[in-house]
Structures are given as C-alpha cells and as structure tokens.
N, C-alpha and C. Protein backbone atom coordinates (compact mmCIF):
# COMPACT_ATOMS: atom_id res chain seq x y z
N UNK A 1 48.60 -9.94 -42.16
CA UNK A 1 49.49 -9.93 -40.79
C UNK A 1 48.53 -8.63 -39.90
N UNK A 2 48.16 -7.60 -40.74
CA UNK A 2 47.65 -6.57 -39.72
C UNK A 2 46.65 -6.66 -39.51
N UNK A 3 45.60 -7.51 -40.22
CA UNK A 3 44.20 -7.90 -39.69
C UNK A 3 44.38 -8.59 -38.31
N UNK A 4 45.41 -9.88 -38.21
CA UNK A 4 45.60 -10.46 -37.58
C UNK A 4 45.93 -9.57 -36.46
N UNK A 5 46.99 -8.64 -36.13
CA UNK A 5 47.45 -7.62 -35.21
C UNK A 5 46.22 -7.03 -34.64
N UNK A 6 45.60 -6.18 -35.24
CA UNK A 6 44.30 -5.53 -34.97
C UNK A 6 43.02 -6.46 -34.27
N UNK A 7 42.85 -7.97 -34.77
CA UNK A 7 41.98 -8.72 -34.19
C UNK A 7 42.25 -9.15 -32.74
N UNK A 8 43.65 -9.32 -32.94
CA UNK A 8 43.75 -9.59 -31.24
C UNK A 8 43.95 -8.03 -30.49
N UNK A 9 44.28 -7.30 -31.18
CA UNK A 9 44.20 -6.05 -30.08
C UNK A 9 42.93 -5.87 -29.58
N UNK A 10 41.84 -5.92 -30.72
CA UNK A 10 40.21 -5.72 -30.45
C UNK A 10 39.74 -6.81 -29.69
N UNK A 11 40.38 -7.82 -29.49
CA UNK A 11 39.99 -9.31 -28.46
C UNK A 11 40.41 -8.77 -27.05
N UNK A 12 41.65 -8.01 -26.86
CA UNK A 12 42.20 -8.14 -25.93
C UNK A 12 41.51 -6.62 -25.24
N UNK A 13 41.18 -5.91 -26.04
CA UNK A 13 40.17 -4.99 -25.28
C UNK A 13 38.65 -4.96 -24.95
N UNK A 14 38.03 -5.82 -25.60
CA UNK A 14 37.00 -6.53 -25.66
C UNK A 14 36.85 -7.60 -24.10
N UNK A 15 37.76 -8.18 -24.15
CA UNK A 15 37.89 -9.13 -23.04
C UNK A 15 38.69 -8.95 -22.20
N UNK A 16 39.35 -7.57 -21.91
CA UNK A 16 40.05 -7.42 -20.59
C UNK A 16 39.72 -8.10 -19.26
N UNK A 17 38.48 -7.87 -19.05
CA UNK A 17 38.33 -7.95 -17.99
C UNK A 17 38.38 -9.82 -17.50
N UNK A 18 37.83 -10.53 -18.70
CA UNK A 18 37.92 -11.95 -18.60
C UNK A 18 39.66 -12.61 -18.60
N UNK A 19 40.47 -11.67 -19.29
CA UNK A 19 41.73 -11.92 -19.53
C UNK A 19 42.28 -11.78 -17.79
N UNK A 20 42.00 -10.64 -17.08
CA UNK A 20 42.29 -10.37 -16.10
C UNK A 20 42.07 -11.42 -14.90
N UNK A 21 41.01 -12.05 -15.25
CA UNK A 21 40.38 -13.14 -14.29
C UNK A 21 40.98 -14.17 -14.36
N UNK A 22 41.22 -14.52 -15.88
CA UNK A 22 42.21 -15.83 -16.26
C UNK A 22 43.04 -15.62 -15.32
N UNK A 23 44.09 -14.50 -15.62
CA UNK A 23 45.35 -14.11 -14.99
C UNK A 23 45.44 -14.44 -13.61
N UNK A 24 44.59 -14.11 -13.18
CA UNK A 24 44.52 -13.37 -11.89
C UNK A 24 44.51 -15.10 -10.97
N UNK A 25 43.55 -16.16 -11.99
CA UNK A 25 43.33 -17.81 -11.38
C UNK A 25 44.74 -18.40 -11.77
N UNK A 26 45.32 -18.29 -12.53
CA UNK A 26 46.73 -18.89 -12.70
C UNK A 26 47.73 -18.66 -12.33
N UNK A 27 47.80 -17.17 -12.24
CA UNK A 27 49.07 -16.31 -11.27
C UNK A 27 48.99 -16.59 -9.48
N UNK A 28 47.59 -16.91 -9.30
CA UNK A 28 47.10 -17.03 -7.61
C UNK A 28 47.90 -18.36 -7.14
N UNK A 29 49.21 -18.17 -6.24
CA UNK A 29 49.67 -19.65 -5.89
C UNK A 29 48.67 -20.40 -5.35
N UNK A 30 48.99 -21.85 -5.72
CA UNK A 30 47.98 -22.98 -4.58
C UNK A 30 48.73 -23.27 -4.00
N UNK A 31 48.38 -23.70 -2.73
CA UNK A 31 49.02 -24.46 -1.67
C UNK A 31 48.68 -25.59 -1.70
N UNK A 32 49.25 -27.00 -2.42
CA UNK A 32 48.80 -28.03 -2.19
C UNK A 32 49.44 -28.92 -1.14
N UNK A 33 50.69 -28.43 -0.24
CA UNK A 33 51.39 -29.20 0.64
C UNK A 33 50.17 -29.11 1.75
N UNK A 34 49.45 -28.18 1.96
CA UNK A 34 48.47 -28.25 3.23
C UNK A 34 49.09 -27.14 4.09
N UNK A 35 50.45 -27.02 4.12
CA UNK A 35 51.05 -26.18 5.19
C UNK A 35 51.64 -24.86 4.26
N UNK A 36 51.41 -23.85 5.30
CA UNK A 36 51.60 -22.19 4.67
C UNK A 36 53.11 -22.42 4.67
N UNK A 37 53.37 -21.59 3.34
CA UNK A 37 54.81 -21.02 3.22
C UNK A 37 54.96 -19.75 3.90
N UNK A 38 56.16 -19.36 4.47
CA UNK A 38 56.05 -18.00 4.90
C UNK A 38 55.22 -16.82 4.64
N UNK A 39 55.52 -16.74 3.21
CA UNK A 39 54.83 -15.51 2.88
C UNK A 39 52.92 -15.30 2.97
N UNK A 40 52.71 -16.67 2.74
CA UNK A 40 51.13 -17.35 2.87
C UNK A 40 50.82 -16.99 4.53
N UNK A 41 51.54 -17.09 5.34
CA UNK A 41 51.82 -17.02 6.72
C UNK A 41 51.53 -15.89 7.31
N UNK A 42 52.34 -15.05 6.43
CA UNK A 42 52.69 -13.11 6.36
C UNK A 42 51.25 -12.61 6.38
N UNK A 43 50.64 -13.36 5.31
CA UNK A 43 49.61 -12.59 4.65
C UNK A 43 48.40 -12.86 5.52
N UNK A 44 48.32 -14.28 6.28
CA UNK A 44 47.15 -14.79 6.80
C UNK A 44 47.23 -13.83 8.07
N UNK A 45 48.57 -13.67 8.96
CA UNK A 45 48.78 -12.84 10.01
C UNK A 45 48.29 -11.67 10.06
N UNK A 46 48.46 -10.74 8.65
CA UNK A 46 48.54 -9.28 8.63
C UNK A 46 47.17 -8.79 7.90
N UNK A 47 46.73 -9.64 6.56
CA UNK A 47 46.01 -9.46 6.07
C UNK A 47 44.47 -10.10 6.30
N UNK A 48 44.80 -10.60 7.12
CA UNK A 48 43.43 -11.50 7.52
C UNK A 48 42.69 -11.16 8.67
N UNK A 49 41.80 -9.75 8.24
CA UNK A 49 41.30 -8.96 9.58
C UNK A 49 39.86 -9.73 10.23
N UNK A 50 39.72 -10.85 9.62
CA UNK A 50 38.45 -11.54 10.73
C UNK A 50 38.93 -12.38 11.29
N UNK A 51 40.74 -12.52 11.72
CA UNK A 51 41.42 -12.97 12.44
C UNK A 51 42.26 -12.49 13.30
N UNK A 52 42.88 -11.21 12.84
CA UNK A 52 43.48 -10.56 13.74
C UNK A 52 42.82 -9.29 14.22
N UNK A 53 41.55 -9.29 13.84
CA UNK A 53 40.59 -8.31 14.65
C UNK A 53 40.85 -6.66 14.12
N UNK A 54 41.38 -6.70 13.14
CA UNK A 54 41.51 -5.04 12.70
C UNK A 54 40.48 -4.75 12.08
N UNK A 55 40.15 -3.32 11.48
CA UNK A 55 38.92 -2.83 11.29
C UNK A 55 38.84 -3.18 9.62
N UNK A 56 40.05 -3.04 9.18
CA UNK A 56 39.58 -3.32 7.52
C UNK A 56 38.75 -3.74 7.08
N UNK A 57 37.94 -3.67 5.62
CA UNK A 57 37.30 -4.29 5.23
C UNK A 57 38.15 -5.51 3.98
N UNK A 58 39.16 -4.58 3.44
CA UNK A 58 39.79 -5.21 2.37
C UNK A 58 41.26 -4.76 2.19
N UNK A 59 42.07 -5.34 1.67
CA UNK A 59 43.49 -4.60 1.47
C UNK A 59 43.87 -4.64 -0.29
N UNK A 60 44.59 -3.60 -0.76
CA UNK A 60 44.98 -3.03 -1.69
C UNK A 60 45.93 -3.30 -1.99
N UNK A 61 46.86 -4.27 -2.36
CA UNK A 61 48.42 -4.37 -3.03
C UNK A 61 48.61 -3.82 -4.07
N UNK A 62 49.59 -2.65 -4.41
CA UNK A 62 50.25 -2.54 -5.26
C UNK A 62 51.39 -2.95 -5.53
N UNK A 63 51.74 -3.83 -6.44
CA UNK A 63 53.24 -4.11 -6.96
C UNK A 63 53.55 -3.13 -7.80
N UNK A 64 54.80 -2.75 -7.92
CA UNK A 64 55.29 -1.67 -8.98
C UNK A 64 56.90 -1.51 -8.59
N UNK A 65 57.01 -0.27 -9.21
CA UNK A 65 58.66 0.31 -9.40
C UNK A 65 58.44 1.59 -8.93
N UNK A 66 59.01 2.34 -8.32
CA UNK A 66 59.15 3.74 -8.39
C UNK A 66 60.23 4.46 -9.58
N UNK A 67 60.46 3.20 -10.37
CA UNK A 67 60.74 3.94 -11.65
C UNK A 67 59.83 3.90 -13.06
N UNK A 68 58.81 2.99 -13.00
CA UNK A 68 57.97 2.73 -13.99
C UNK A 68 57.06 3.96 -14.35
N UNK A 69 56.66 4.38 -15.25
CA UNK A 69 55.79 5.41 -15.59
C UNK A 69 54.05 4.63 -14.86
N UNK A 70 53.91 3.70 -15.29
CA UNK A 70 52.58 3.50 -14.83
C UNK A 70 52.42 3.25 -13.51
N UNK A 71 53.52 2.90 -13.01
CA UNK A 71 53.53 2.85 -11.57
C UNK A 71 53.64 3.91 -10.93
N UNK A 72 54.22 5.05 -11.40
CA UNK A 72 54.28 6.21 -10.62
C UNK A 72 52.35 6.79 -11.12
N UNK A 73 51.71 6.63 -11.93
CA UNK A 73 50.37 7.16 -11.92
C UNK A 73 49.69 6.30 -11.05
N UNK A 74 49.92 5.03 -11.00
CA UNK A 74 49.21 4.67 -9.67
C UNK A 74 49.60 5.05 -8.35
N UNK A 75 50.29 6.05 -8.03
CA UNK A 75 50.83 6.43 -6.87
C UNK A 75 49.66 7.05 -6.49
N UNK A 76 49.04 8.13 -7.45
CA UNK A 76 48.04 8.96 -7.25
C UNK A 76 46.89 8.01 -6.53
N UNK A 77 46.06 7.09 -7.79
CA UNK A 77 45.22 6.11 -7.23
C UNK A 77 45.20 5.92 -5.95
N UNK A 78 46.65 5.43 -5.28
CA UNK A 78 47.00 4.44 -3.83
C UNK A 78 46.31 5.79 -3.09
N UNK A 79 46.91 7.11 -3.18
CA UNK A 79 46.52 8.09 -2.45
C UNK A 79 44.87 8.53 -2.49
N UNK A 80 44.06 8.52 -3.62
CA UNK A 80 43.04 8.72 -3.41
C UNK A 80 42.08 7.54 -2.87
N UNK A 81 42.49 6.45 -2.79
CA UNK A 81 42.27 4.85 -2.36
C UNK A 81 42.25 5.39 -0.79
N UNK A 82 43.37 5.69 -0.04
CA UNK A 82 43.67 5.88 0.87
C UNK A 82 42.05 6.93 1.39
N UNK A 83 42.42 8.34 0.86
CA UNK A 83 41.52 9.23 1.25
C UNK A 83 40.25 9.26 1.40
N UNK A 84 39.91 8.47 0.85
CA UNK A 84 38.29 8.09 -0.11
C UNK A 84 37.62 6.88 0.90
N UNK A 85 38.87 5.87 1.36
CA UNK A 85 38.56 4.82 2.32
C UNK A 85 39.61 4.40 3.73
N UNK A 86 39.08 5.70 4.31
CA UNK A 86 40.24 5.66 5.54
C UNK A 86 39.45 4.63 6.36
N UNK A 87 40.70 3.59 6.87
CA UNK A 87 39.90 2.77 8.13
C UNK A 87 38.98 1.49 7.21
N UNK A 88 38.91 1.86 5.99
CA UNK A 88 38.25 0.77 5.46
C UNK A 88 39.03 -0.61 4.26
N UNK A 89 39.81 -0.01 3.71
CA UNK A 89 40.75 -0.46 2.79
C UNK A 89 42.32 -0.03 3.14
N UNK A 90 43.10 -1.00 3.35
CA UNK A 90 44.39 -0.72 3.98
C UNK A 90 44.91 -1.18 2.38
N UNK A 91 46.11 0.39 2.43
CA UNK A 91 47.07 0.08 0.93
C UNK A 91 48.09 -0.10 1.16
N UNK A 92 48.86 -1.16 0.36
CA UNK A 92 50.06 -1.46 0.58
C UNK A 92 50.84 -1.63 -0.91
N UNK A 93 51.95 -0.79 -0.76
CA UNK A 93 52.60 -0.74 -1.89
C UNK A 93 54.12 -1.66 -1.95
N UNK A 94 54.14 -2.63 -2.75
CA UNK A 94 55.39 -3.55 -2.73
C UNK A 94 56.29 -3.24 -3.88
N UNK A 95 57.35 -2.40 -3.93
CA UNK A 95 58.30 -1.98 -4.90
C UNK A 95 59.12 -3.17 -5.15
N UNK A 96 58.72 -3.87 -6.44
CA UNK A 96 59.39 -5.26 -6.59
C UNK A 96 60.93 -5.24 -7.11
N UNK A 97 61.37 -3.82 -7.04
CA UNK A 97 62.82 -4.07 -6.90
C UNK A 97 63.62 -3.64 -5.86
N UNK A 98 62.79 -3.77 -4.98
CA UNK A 98 63.67 -4.11 -3.24
C UNK A 98 63.70 -5.77 -3.04
N UNK A 99 64.99 -6.08 -2.59
CA UNK A 99 65.04 -7.64 -2.42
C UNK A 99 64.18 -8.30 -1.35
N UNK A 100 63.80 -7.22 -0.69
CA UNK A 100 62.84 -7.67 0.57
C UNK A 100 61.28 -7.57 0.13
N UNK A 101 61.32 -7.59 -0.98
CA UNK A 101 59.84 -7.76 -1.53
C UNK A 101 59.81 -9.04 -2.79
N UNK A 102 60.97 -9.87 -3.01
CA UNK A 102 60.82 -10.67 -4.18
C UNK A 102 60.28 -11.96 -3.75
N UNK A 103 60.38 -12.22 -2.44
CA UNK A 103 59.44 -13.24 -2.30
C UNK A 103 58.04 -12.94 -2.20
N UNK A 104 57.50 -11.73 -1.98
CA UNK A 104 55.77 -11.53 -2.05
C UNK A 104 55.54 -11.41 -3.28
N UNK A 105 56.24 -10.81 -4.21
CA UNK A 105 56.21 -10.82 -5.84
C UNK A 105 55.94 -12.11 -5.81
N UNK A 106 56.98 -12.75 -5.94
CA UNK A 106 56.87 -14.59 -6.12
C UNK A 106 55.56 -14.96 -5.71
N UNK A 107 55.44 -14.78 -4.67
CA UNK A 107 53.98 -15.29 -3.84
C UNK A 107 52.97 -15.12 -4.84
N UNK A 108 52.66 -13.86 -5.24
CA UNK A 108 51.76 -13.64 -5.94
C UNK A 108 52.06 -13.87 -7.74
N UNK A 109 52.59 -14.03 -7.82
CA UNK A 109 52.82 -14.49 -9.54
C UNK A 109 53.26 -13.30 -10.18
N UNK A 110 54.10 -12.37 -9.32
CA UNK A 110 54.23 -11.00 -10.30
C UNK A 110 55.04 -10.99 -11.38
N UNK A 111 54.59 -10.76 -12.53
CA UNK A 111 55.58 -11.21 -14.07
C UNK A 111 55.47 -9.74 -14.40
N UNK A 112 54.45 -8.93 -14.26
CA UNK A 112 54.77 -7.65 -14.95
C UNK A 112 54.17 -6.30 -13.96
N UNK A 113 54.60 -5.22 -14.06
CA UNK A 113 54.13 -4.07 -13.47
C UNK A 113 53.49 -3.11 -14.20
N UNK A 114 53.06 -2.36 -13.57
CA UNK A 114 51.94 -2.35 -12.01
C UNK A 114 50.96 -3.66 -12.18
N UNK A 115 50.70 -3.98 -11.07
CA UNK A 115 49.51 -5.03 -10.87
C UNK A 115 49.38 -4.55 -9.51
N UNK A 116 47.69 -4.72 -9.36
CA UNK A 116 46.67 -4.31 -8.51
C UNK A 116 46.44 -5.58 -8.00
N UNK A 117 46.17 -5.82 -6.87
CA UNK A 117 45.52 -6.98 -6.18
C UNK A 117 44.67 -6.94 -4.95
N UNK A 118 43.31 -6.84 -4.81
CA UNK A 118 42.51 -6.97 -3.85
C UNK A 118 42.29 -8.34 -2.89
N UNK A 119 42.59 -7.88 -1.66
CA UNK A 119 42.21 -9.25 -0.90
C UNK A 119 41.01 -8.95 0.01
N UNK A 120 40.26 -9.93 -0.01
CA UNK A 120 39.25 -9.69 1.24
C UNK A 120 39.40 -9.73 2.79
N UNK A 121 38.15 -9.82 3.60
CA UNK A 121 38.57 -9.31 4.63
C UNK A 121 39.45 -10.60 5.37
N UNK A 122 39.22 -11.88 4.83
CA UNK A 122 40.05 -13.09 5.15
C UNK A 122 41.51 -13.16 4.64
N UNK A 123 42.02 -12.12 3.75
CA UNK A 123 43.18 -12.31 3.25
C UNK A 123 43.43 -13.14 1.74
N UNK A 124 42.04 -13.48 1.24
CA UNK A 124 42.00 -14.25 -0.12
C UNK A 124 42.03 -13.17 -1.46
N UNK A 125 42.63 -13.21 -2.29
CA UNK A 125 42.54 -12.64 -3.59
C UNK A 125 40.93 -12.66 -4.07
N UNK A 126 40.38 -11.36 -4.54
CA UNK A 126 39.14 -11.86 -5.33
C UNK A 126 39.28 -10.66 -6.44
N UNK A 127 40.62 -9.94 -6.86
CA UNK A 127 40.71 -9.30 -8.10
C UNK A 127 41.86 -9.25 -8.35
N UNK A 128 42.27 -8.67 -9.66
CA UNK A 128 43.78 -8.36 -10.01
C UNK A 128 43.98 -7.80 -11.24
N UNK A 129 44.25 -7.01 -11.61
CA UNK A 129 44.77 -6.26 -12.87
C UNK A 129 46.02 -5.98 -13.34
N UNK A 130 46.12 -5.88 -14.08
CA UNK A 130 47.52 -5.95 -14.82
C UNK A 130 47.57 -4.31 -15.65
N UNK A 131 48.41 -3.34 -15.24
CA UNK A 131 48.74 -2.36 -16.00
C UNK A 131 47.81 -0.75 -15.34
N UNK A 132 47.86 -0.10 -15.75
CA UNK A 132 47.23 1.20 -14.95
C UNK A 132 45.97 0.99 -14.64
N UNK A 133 45.26 1.65 -13.48
CA UNK A 133 43.91 1.16 -13.19
C UNK A 133 43.23 2.44 -12.36
N UNK A 134 42.46 3.36 -13.07
CA UNK A 134 42.09 4.10 -13.08
C UNK A 134 41.07 4.39 -11.42
N UNK A 135 41.40 5.31 -10.75
CA UNK A 135 40.79 5.35 -9.26
C UNK A 135 39.18 4.64 -9.42
N UNK A 136 38.40 5.23 -10.55
CA UNK A 136 36.81 4.80 -10.71
C UNK A 136 36.70 3.27 -10.91
N UNK A 137 37.62 2.77 -11.53
CA UNK A 137 37.57 1.44 -12.23
C UNK A 137 37.92 0.40 -10.85
N UNK A 138 38.83 1.37 -10.12
CA UNK A 138 39.14 0.44 -8.74
C UNK A 138 38.20 0.52 -7.73
N UNK A 139 37.76 1.66 -7.46
CA UNK A 139 36.40 2.12 -6.93
C UNK A 139 35.12 1.21 -6.85
N UNK A 140 34.87 0.84 -8.29
CA UNK A 140 33.79 -0.20 -8.87
C UNK A 140 33.91 -1.38 -7.62
N UNK A 141 35.39 -1.77 -8.33
CA UNK A 141 35.83 -3.42 -7.47
C UNK A 141 35.75 -3.25 -6.07
N UNK A 142 36.16 -2.27 -5.33
CA UNK A 142 36.22 -2.23 -4.14
C UNK A 142 34.60 -1.94 -3.39
N UNK A 143 33.90 -1.53 -4.12
CA UNK A 143 32.30 -1.37 -3.88
C UNK A 143 31.63 -2.36 -4.23
N UNK A 144 32.21 -3.31 -4.82
CA UNK A 144 31.17 -4.58 -5.55
C UNK A 144 30.91 -5.12 -4.61
C-alpha cells in the first residue's frame, strides 16, 4: 500500500505539467451549440483584445478565495505580475465564494482553488494550473 501511494505521489510530481494540461483540456468548456453563453460572450467582449482594441497581450485569471492559504500566497504573485508586466498582462481575481463569480468559475470548470488560467490575446485559454504557482513559473508561461 505504501509503495502504491509513493508511486502515485512520484508520478504526480513527474507528470505535473502533463496532468495540468489534461485537466485544462477536460475542464475547459466546449460550446457545442454554436451560440455563446453569457459567460463566453463576456469573456469575448472583455478579454478578446484583438477585437476590443485594448493593448493587453494576455489575461491572467486567478480563481481563489480570500480565506484559503494557497490563495493568499497567490496574492503576492498577482501583484508581482502586475508590477512586472504593466500594460501587457491583465490580472483578474475571481473570488469563487462570491455569488457574482459562481457562473464564471462554473464556465471555467473550477473545482479546486487556487487555479490560474492564462488567456491569449483572443481570449482563449492556453494554460491552466491548479494550486500555488510561483512568479517564476508563471513568468515562464507568460513569456512563452
């Protein structure tokens, strides 16, 4: 039993990026109807900088809570992104405990927090991470 648990733990560590990519693919909502739901329309109107003329290159969405310890650690990372990428990265925090943010969290398939989602200039998700993510790790994805 201990060997199995250790094996799963090591597999999780070694395949973290692949697992995050997989979770991103299955958690990202698919629009099969051809028409946009209100959240998709909101994302397109606000975060599609190619369409709306804003100068940002990408969006950093942080889904979390003000009461979770990992989320509190992400506050510093969000501030560092704001400070290091002014005008390039739009940093947006969604407190999943607030009723007004339920639909957005549901749209992105948020089941655990904290979750970081990066949207490209067209408002499409290209990166997702679950749990605490250091500024350096996030900067690698932003600069990618």
